Protein backbone atom coordinates (compact mmCIF):
# COMPACT_ATOMS: atom_id res chain seq x y z
CA UNK A 1 -21.26 -6.33 -20.81
CA UNK A 2 -19.27 -6.96 -17.41
CA UNK A 3 -22.29 -6.72 -14.95
CA UNK A 4 -19.46 -5.48 -12.36
CA UNK A 5 -18.12 -2.60 -14.75
CA UNK A 6 -18.97 -1.24 -18.11
CA UNK A 7 -15.02 -0.90 -19.31
CA UNK A 8 -13.31 -3.44 -17.05
CA UNK A 9 -12.87 -5.25 -20.48
CA UNK A 10 -10.75 -2.13 -21.65
CA UNK A 11 -9.23 -1.15 -18.48
CA UNK A 12 -8.16 -4.53 -17.38
CA UNK A 13 -7.41 -3.18 -13.66
CA UNK A 14 -9.91 -5.83 -12.42
CA UNK A 15 -8.76 -9.48 -14.07
CA UNK A 16 -11.25 -11.09 -12.27
CA UNK A 17 -14.36 -9.76 -12.30
CA UNK A 18 -16.44 -11.62 -14.79
CA UNK A 19 -16.17 -14.50 -11.81
CA UNK A 20 -18.45 -14.37 -9.02
CA UNK A 21 -16.61 -13.56 -5.46
CA UNK A 22 -16.65 -16.98 -4.50
CA UNK A 23 -14.82 -18.23 -7.79
CA UNK A 24 -12.41 -15.64 -7.24
CA UNK A 25 -11.72 -17.21 -4.02
CA UNK A 26 -11.06 -20.32 -5.05
CA UNK A 27 -9.32 -19.14 -7.60
CA UNK A 28 -6.69 -17.38 -5.49
CA UNK A 29 -7.05 -20.33 -2.82
CA UNK A 30 -5.70 -22.51 -5.64
CA UNK A 31 -3.04 -20.41 -7.04
CA UNK A 32 -1.66 -20.45 -3.47
CA UNK A 33 -1.76 -24.10 -2.80
CA UNK A 34 -0.61 -24.19 -6.39
CA UNK A 35 2.70 -22.03 -5.48
CA UNK A 36 2.84 -22.84 -1.56
CA UNK A 37 1.19 -25.84 -1.12
CA UNK A 38 4.30 -28.48 -1.61
CA UNK A 39 6.13 -25.96 1.22
CA UNK A 40 3.51 -25.85 3.80
CA UNK A 41 0.01 -26.27 4.73
CA UNK A 42 -2.25 -23.82 3.35
CA UNK A 43 -5.11 -22.67 5.15
CA UNK A 44 -8.46 -21.36 3.61
CA UNK A 45 -8.31 -17.69 2.13
CA UNK A 46 -9.66 -15.11 3.92
CA UNK A 47 -12.41 -12.95 2.01
CA UNK A 48 -12.50 -9.79 2.56
CA UNK A 49 -14.97 -7.75 4.29
CA UNK A 50 -15.90 -5.69 1.31
CA UNK A 51 -15.50 -7.10 -2.26
CA UNK A 52 -15.92 -3.53 -4.30
CA UNK A 53 -15.36 0.42 -2.84
CA UNK A 54 -12.52 -1.01 -0.70
CA UNK A 55 -9.50 1.20 -1.89
CA UNK A 56 -8.53 3.82 0.38
CA UNK A 57 -6.39 5.29 -1.91
CA UNK A 58 -7.01 5.86 -5.44
CA UNK A 59 -5.36 7.75 -9.07
CA UNK A 60 -7.23 9.55 -11.36
CA UNK A 61 -5.85 11.23 -14.84
CA UNK A 62 -7.44 13.55 -16.93
CA UNK A 63 -8.32 14.30 -20.26
CA UNK A 64 -10.11 16.78 -22.47
CA UNK A 65 -13.73 15.96 -23.94
CA UNK A 66 -14.42 18.82 -26.13
CA UNK A 67 -16.75 21.30 -24.97
CA UNK A 68 -18.12 18.85 -22.04
CA UNK A 69 -15.10 19.89 -20.41
CA UNK A 70 -12.87 17.54 -18.63
CA UNK A 71 -12.97 13.75 -17.34
CA UNK A 72 -11.50 11.68 -15.49
CA UNK A 73 -10.41 7.96 -15.73
CA UNK A 74 -7.42 5.24 -16.02
CA UNK A 75 -4.35 6.12 -17.74
CA UNK A 76 -3.68 3.33 -20.52
CA UNK A 77 0.19 3.14 -20.43
CA UNK A 78 0.12 1.11 -24.26
CA UNK A 79 -1.63 4.11 -26.27
CA UNK A 80 -0.93 6.76 -23.66
CA UNK A 81 -4.51 7.23 -24.06
CA UNK A 82 -6.85 7.95 -20.67
CA UNK A 83 -9.43 5.64 -20.87
CA UNK A 84 -12.91 7.30 -19.20
CA UNK A 85 -14.22 5.88 -16.13
CA UNK A 86 -17.17 7.99 -14.68
CA UNK A 87 -17.67 5.44 -11.71
CA UNK A 88 -14.78 2.88 -10.45
CA UNK A 89 -16.38 -0.43 -8.78
CA UNK A 90 -12.96 -0.62 -6.68
CA UNK A 91 -12.75 3.14 -5.05
CA UNK A 92 -14.99 4.43 -3.07
CA UNK A 93 -18.44 6.20 -3.56
CA UNK A 94 -16.90 9.57 -2.09
CA UNK A 95 -13.31 9.06 -4.21
CA UNK A 96 -15.54 8.83 -7.31
CA UNK A 97 -17.68 11.75 -6.38
CA UNK A 98 -14.96 13.76 -5.68
CA UNK A 99 -13.14 12.64 -8.82
CA UNK A 100 -16.34 14.11 -10.93
CA UNK A 101 -16.19 17.76 -9.10
CA UNK A 102 -12.57 17.93 -9.60
CA UNK A 103 -12.93 17.28 -13.60
CA UNK A 104 -16.16 20.50 -13.14
CA UNK A 105 -13.01 22.54 -11.73
CA UNK A 106 -10.48 22.00 -13.15
CA UNK A 107 -12.59 23.05 -16.82
CA UNK A 108 -14.36 26.27 -14.37
CA UNK A 109 -10.12 26.67 -13.40
CA UNK A 110 -9.34 26.22 -17.30
CA UNK A 111 -6.84 23.43 -15.86
CA UNK A 112 -5.11 21.81 -18.64
CA UNK A 113 -5.09 17.98 -18.45
CA UNK A 114 -1.74 16.72 -19.52
CA UNK A 115 -0.96 15.20 -23.16
CA UNK A 116 2.13 13.03 -23.20
CA UNK A 117 2.18 12.99 -27.31
CA UNK A 118 2.89 16.53 -27.21
CA UNK A 119 3.96 17.49 -24.04
CA UNK A 120 1.63 19.80 -23.14
CA UNK A 121 -0.88 21.14 -19.95
CA UNK A 122 -0.11 20.80 -16.34
CA UNK A 123 -2.31 18.39 -14.82
CA UNK A 124 -0.85 14.93 -14.62
CA UNK A 125 -2.87 12.82 -11.83
CA UNK A 126 -4.89 13.44 -8.94
CA UNK A 127 -4.37 11.12 -5.97
CA UNK A 128 -7.21 10.80 -3.46
CA UNK A 129 -6.03 8.71 -0.07
CA UNK A 130 -8.53 8.23 2.31
CA UNK A 131 -8.65 7.55 6.32
CA UNK A 132 -12.26 5.33 6.74
CA UNK A 133 -12.08 5.34 10.43
CA UNK A 134 -11.46 8.94 10.69
CA UNK A 135 -13.15 9.99 8.04
CA UNK A 136 -10.36 12.44 6.48
CA UNK A 137 -9.82 13.14 2.76
CA UNK A 138 -6.33 13.84 1.22
CA UNK A 139 -5.57 15.06 -2.54
CA UNK A 140 -2.86 15.31 -3.80
CA UNK A 141 -2.51 17.04 -7.05
CA UNK A 142 0.28 16.14 -9.53
CA UNK A 143 1.30 18.86 -12.18
CA UNK A 144 4.02 19.56 -14.79
CA UNK A 145 5.21 21.97 -12.71
CA UNK A 146 5.32 23.62 -9.21
CA UNK A 147 3.18 27.00 -10.66
CA UNK A 148 -0.39 26.43 -10.10
CA UNK A 149 -2.23 29.44 -11.11
CA UNK A 150 -5.02 30.52 -9.07
CA UNK A 151 -4.09 28.37 -6.57
CA UNK A 152 -5.60 30.09 -3.37
CA UNK A 153 -9.03 30.86 -5.81
CA UNK A 154 -9.14 27.59 -6.25
CA UNK A 155 -8.25 26.24 -2.53
CA UNK A 156 -11.46 28.19 -1.87
CA UNK A 157 -13.66 26.51 -4.14
CA UNK A 158 -12.33 23.42 -3.62
CA UNK A 159 -13.28 23.63 -0.06
CA UNK A 160 -16.41 24.88 -0.85
CA UNK A 161 -17.50 21.86 -3.35
CA UNK A 162 -16.02 18.87 -1.71
CA UNK A 163 -16.23 19.99 2.38
CA UNK A 164 -14.99 16.27 3.13
CA UNK A 165 -11.51 17.13 1.59
CA UNK A 166 -9.20 17.69 4.94
CA UNK A 167 -6.32 18.80 3.15
CA UNK A 168 -4.92 18.86 -0.72
CA UNK A 169 -1.41 19.49 -1.70
CA UNK A 170 0.53 20.08 -4.87
CA UNK A 171 2.96 18.16 -6.27
CA UNK A 172 5.69 18.35 -8.83
CA UNK A 173 6.14 15.36 -11.56
CA UNK A 174 8.23 16.47 -14.75
CA UNK A 175 8.36 12.94 -15.97
CA UNK A 176 7.21 12.26 -19.46
CA UNK A 177 6.05 9.26 -18.95
CA UNK A 178 5.25 8.50 -15.59
CA UNK A 179 2.08 10.33 -14.57
CA UNK A 180 1.61 9.42 -11.37
CA UNK A 181 4.11 9.95 -9.05
CA UNK A 182 4.99 13.37 -8.13
CA UNK A 183 7.16 15.32 -5.22
CA UNK A 184 4.87 17.20 -2.91
CA UNK A 185 5.84 20.83 -2.62
CA UNK A 186 3.03 22.67 -1.57
CA UNK A 187 -0.04 22.01 1.53
CA UNK A 188 -2.82 24.39 -0.21
CA UNK A 189 -5.03 23.75 2.82
CA UNK A 190 -5.32 21.60 5.71
CA UNK A 191 -2.31 19.80 7.71
CA UNK A 192 -1.03 17.89 4.41
CA UNK A 193 -1.70 14.68 6.08
CA UNK A 194 -4.38 12.88 7.41
CA UNK A 195 -4.61 10.05 10.13
CA UNK A 196 -6.19 6.82 10.11
CA UNK A 197 -6.89 4.61 13.18
CA UNK A 198 -6.12 0.36 12.57
CA UNK A 199 -5.79 -2.35 14.78
CA UNK A 200 -6.71 0.63 17.79
CA UNK A 201 -3.38 2.33 16.47
CA UNK A 202 -3.33 5.59 14.61
CA UNK A 203 -1.25 6.32 11.67
CA UNK A 204 -0.08 9.24 9.77
CA UNK A 205 -0.92 8.85 5.90
CA UNK A 206 1.49 11.04 4.12
CA UNK A 207 1.36 11.91 0.24
CA UNK A 208 4.15 9.44 -0.67
CA UNK A 209 4.01 7.15 2.23
CA UNK A 210 2.89 3.09 1.69
CA UNK A 211 -0.20 2.30 3.77
CA UNK A 212 -2.30 -0.97 2.93
CA UNK A 213 -5.15 0.03 0.13
CA UNK A 214 -7.71 -2.29 1.45
CA UNK A 215 -7.91 -1.34 5.71
CA UNK A 216 -10.56 -4.00 7.45
CA UNK A 217 -8.52 -6.81 5.39
CA UNK A 218 -5.31 -5.45 6.64
CA UNK A 219 -6.55 -5.22 10.28
CA UNK A 220 -7.70 -8.96 9.87
CA UNK A 221 -4.33 -10.08 8.10
CA UNK A 222 -2.20 -8.21 11.16
CA UNK A 223 -4.12 -9.81 13.47
CA UNK A 224 -3.34 -13.00 12.13
CA UNK A 225 0.51 -12.34 11.55
CA UNK A 226 0.89 -10.82 15.07
CA UNK A 227 -0.97 -14.08 16.48
CA UNK A 228 1.37 -16.46 14.43
CA UNK A 229 4.40 -14.81 16.17
CA UNK A 230 2.93 -16.25 19.75
CA UNK A 231 4.79 -13.36 21.47
CA UNK A 232 4.87 -13.48 25.25
CA UNK A 233 6.30 -9.94 26.16
CA UNK A 234 9.72 -11.12 26.23
CA UNK A 235 11.25 -11.11 23.01
CA UNK A 236 13.01 -8.98 20.50
CA UNK A 237 11.27 -8.57 16.79
CA UNK A 238 13.07 -7.52 13.94
CA UNK A 239 10.65 -5.80 11.50
CA UNK A 240 12.17 -5.90 7.92
CA UNK A 241 10.73 -3.40 4.90
CA UNK A 242 9.03 -1.86 8.21
CA UNK A 243 7.67 1.28 5.89
CA UNK A 244 5.67 3.54 8.24
CA UNK A 245 6.15 1.08 10.83
CA UNK A 246 2.55 -0.38 11.15
CA UNK A 247 2.70 -3.96 12.09
CA UNK A 248 6.07 -2.95 14.01
CA UNK A 249 3.69 -0.82 16.28
CA UNK A 250 1.03 -3.10 16.29
CA UNK A 251 2.75 -6.00 17.65
CA UNK A 252 5.13 -3.80 20.29
CA UNK A 253 3.03 -3.87 23.61
CA UNK A 254 3.24 -7.64 23.14
CA UNK A 255 6.94 -7.80 22.59
CA UNK A 256 10.05 -6.63 24.73
CA UNK A 257 11.63 -4.64 21.89
CA UNK A 258 11.34 -4.14 18.37
CA UNK A 259 13.95 -3.09 15.87
CA UNK A 260 12.32 -1.59 13.15
CA UNK A 261 14.59 -1.13 9.21
CA UNK A 262 13.12 0.40 6.25
CA UNK A 263 15.27 2.08 3.31
CA UNK A 264 12.58 4.64 2.84
CA UNK A 265 13.68 7.47 4.62
CA UNK A 266 10.40 9.73 4.09
CA UNK A 267 8.61 6.79 5.62
CA UNK A 268 10.72 6.35 8.65
CA UNK A 269 10.01 9.46 9.57
CA UNK A 270 6.78 9.24 9.52
CA UNK A 271 7.22 5.61 11.28
CA UNK A 272 8.82 7.84 14.09
CA UNK A 273 6.00 10.30 14.09
CA UNK A 274 3.29 6.80 14.54
CA UNK A 275 5.59 5.64 17.05
CA UNK A 276 5.23 8.80 19.17
CA UNK A 277 1.73 9.20 17.93
CA UNK A 278 0.70 5.88 19.86
CA UNK A 279 3.24 6.70 22.98
CA UNK A 280 4.97 3.53 21.96
CA UNK A 281 8.64 3.71 23.27
CA UNK A 282 10.07 0.20 22.80
CA UNK A 283 10.34 0.45 18.91
CA UNK A 284 13.74 1.57 17.37
CA UNK A 285 13.71 2.56 13.58
CA UNK A 286 16.62 2.82 11.40
CA UNK A 287 16.72 4.27 7.94
CA UNK A 288 18.87 1.95 6.26
CA UNK A 289 18.60 -1.69 3.42
CA UNK A 290 17.38 -4.48 5.59
CA UNK A 291 20.58 -6.53 4.68
CA UNK A 292 22.60 -4.35 5.71
CA UNK A 293 21.23 -3.57 8.68
CA UNK A 294 20.79 -7.46 9.83
CA UNK A 295 23.92 -7.89 8.66
CA UNK A 296 25.17 -5.11 11.18
CA UNK A 297 23.08 -6.92 13.99
CA UNK A 298 25.12 -10.18 13.21
CA UNK A 299 28.39 -8.64 13.39
CA UNK A 300 27.74 -6.97 16.66
CA UNK A 301 27.26 -10.42 17.81
CA UNK A 302 22.88 -9.79 17.92
CA UNK A 303 20.44 -12.14 17.69
CA UNK A 304 16.65 -12.06 17.60
CA UNK A 305 14.01 -13.68 18.62
CA UNK A 306 11.56 -13.25 15.59
CA UNK A 307 11.00 -11.41 12.37
CA UNK A 308 8.29 -9.96 10.52
CA UNK A 309 9.49 -9.53 6.94
CA UNK A 310 6.91 -7.66 4.20
CA UNK A 311 9.54 -7.05 1.09
CA UNK A 312 8.00 -5.56 -2.42
CA UNK A 313 6.24 -7.62 -4.85
CA UNK A 314 10.36 -8.34 -5.96
CA UNK A 315 10.68 -10.40 -2.35
CA UNK A 316 13.81 -10.54 -0.72
CA UNK A 317 17.67 -10.65 -1.79
CA UNK A 318 19.29 -13.82 -1.06
CA UNK A 319 21.72 -11.64 1.21
CA UNK A 320 18.96 -10.44 3.16
CA UNK A 321 17.41 -13.80 3.90
CA UNK A 322 21.42 -14.94 4.83
CA UNK A 323 21.51 -12.08 7.13
CA UNK A 324 18.34 -12.69 8.68
CA UNK A 325 19.41 -16.44 9.08
CA UNK A 326 22.64 -15.33 11.15
CA UNK A 327 20.41 -13.61 13.86
CA UNK A 328 18.67 -16.71 14.16
CA UNK A 329 15.00 -15.96 15.14
CA UNK A 330 13.17 -19.03 16.08
CA UNK A 331 9.73 -17.89 14.64
CA UNK A 332 9.51 -15.72 10.90
CA UNK A 333 6.40 -14.01 9.78
CA UNK A 334 6.81 -13.70 5.82
CA UNK A 335 4.11 -11.22 4.38
CA UNK A 336 3.72 -11.15 0.72
CA UNK A 337 1.60 -9.91 -1.90
CA UNK A 338 3.41 -12.18 -4.49
CA UNK A 339 3.39 -15.90 -3.70
CA UNK A 340 5.76 -16.86 -6.62
CA UNK A 341 8.33 -14.55 -4.93
CA UNK A 342 7.81 -15.80 -1.46
CA UNK A 343 7.87 -19.27 -2.45
CA UNK A 344 11.47 -18.79 -3.75
CA UNK A 345 12.63 -16.88 -0.53
CA UNK A 346 11.10 -19.70 1.52
CA UNK A 347 12.88 -22.25 -0.78
CA UNK A 348 16.32 -20.31 -0.23
CA UNK A 349 15.17 -19.83 4.27
CA UNK A 350 14.97 -23.60 4.47
CA UNK A 351 18.37 -24.22 3.07
CA UNK A 352 19.39 -22.03 5.98
CA UNK A 353 17.66 -23.96 8.57
CA UNK A 354 13.88 -22.72 8.74
CA UNK A 355 10.81 -24.88 7.75
CA UNK A 356 7.57 -23.33 6.71
CA UNK A 357 4.63 -24.49 8.82
CA UNK A 358 1.37 -22.70 7.41
CA UNK A 359 0.45 -20.68 5.11
CA UNK A 360 -2.91 -18.21 4.98
CA UNK A 361 -4.08 -16.12 2.06
CA UNK A 362 -5.99 -13.32 2.26
CA UNK A 363 -7.98 -11.68 -0.70
CA UNK A 364 -6.22 -8.40 -0.04
CA UNK A 365 -7.78 -6.90 -3.47
CA UNK A 366 -10.60 -8.55 -4.91
CA UNK A 367 -11.59 -8.67 -8.42
CA UNK A 368 -7.91 -8.71 -9.83
CA UNK A 369 -5.40 -11.58 -9.74
CA UNK A 370 -4.04 -10.35 -6.65
CA UNK A 371 -3.14 -12.57 -3.43
CA UNK A 372 -1.55 -11.48 -0.01
CA UNK A 373 -0.57 -14.26 1.97
CA UNK A 374 0.74 -15.05 5.65
CA UNK A 375 3.94 -17.50 6.12
CA UNK A 376 4.69 -18.71 9.42
CA UNK A 377 8.40 -20.39 9.15
CA UNK A 378 10.03 -22.21 12.22
CA UNK A 379 13.73 -22.46 13.07
CA UNK A 380 14.52 -26.29 13.13
CA UNK A 381 17.81 -27.91 14.16
CA UNK A 382 20.57 -28.31 11.96
């Protein structure tokens, strides 16, 4: 049996849990050296301040357990079943305890978990989001329809049973296959969002907004990324794939202005709220494709002095990288959760006049095979 987790082999979410943490760090550092070492110098990996209980976002699915009630666990997509997990070692103690209380409440209120085989039941999943710095907690209860019977009575019982939950939201998900992502339709109680503090800035976290799951490690990563940029207050900085504006807001007081772009309009709405909440006046947000935004800037004859890029796992498109190069930033800090696609993009940027200087790996997701990297690139004479 795996000492880290009794169901690790069946769950397969923690692919490296059979290794010691030191062995995991060596594995990830060597992975970065293999993929990126031929392109730049790879520094020693930065360990996570917490190797377990670090997730501030947890998704639980549920199933009936005979007369015993309801159990929570991890969805197994291959078999379309729920693997019961009494305790997830990656989630916080509060999240695990809350999931256990929810099992009892759902059973008491006769809330039927959704069965994907027969397409019946209401409860799809519950998303638990925590703000470590403020202690706030949000539940997003995903149901097959927007109608949740006895919701007011349930909300009262939930607040009494889980006083640490500051807000709860009902979301609708009619998809037969995708159990996790629902569209928020109603706030049961609270503000419908929570607020965390990251690098001294306050950030609003809504049900669907992106926020790094390992807060303490994110602070270390952002400080490194902003430090590598070496801003002196005179620069115009591009923040591409900005999400809810976290890194751009963290860097704003060190730059003349920040131009931030993100495709998701909901994320941009949160980003603007975050800027106002932190009294940041020198950052501008655009809801647009990063490629189209960079192209438009270049067509207007504009340039930027530096750029943060933090794309999804698929990396950047070649057309975006060409548009970025036309803006002629002196420095690019490329943050990635996928060094394979990052290496591909670095080679493309190399053909466009940029040289990778250093890579700084961060263990953002202990016990999994994922690694986060920060690469500094500089423009060279062509």
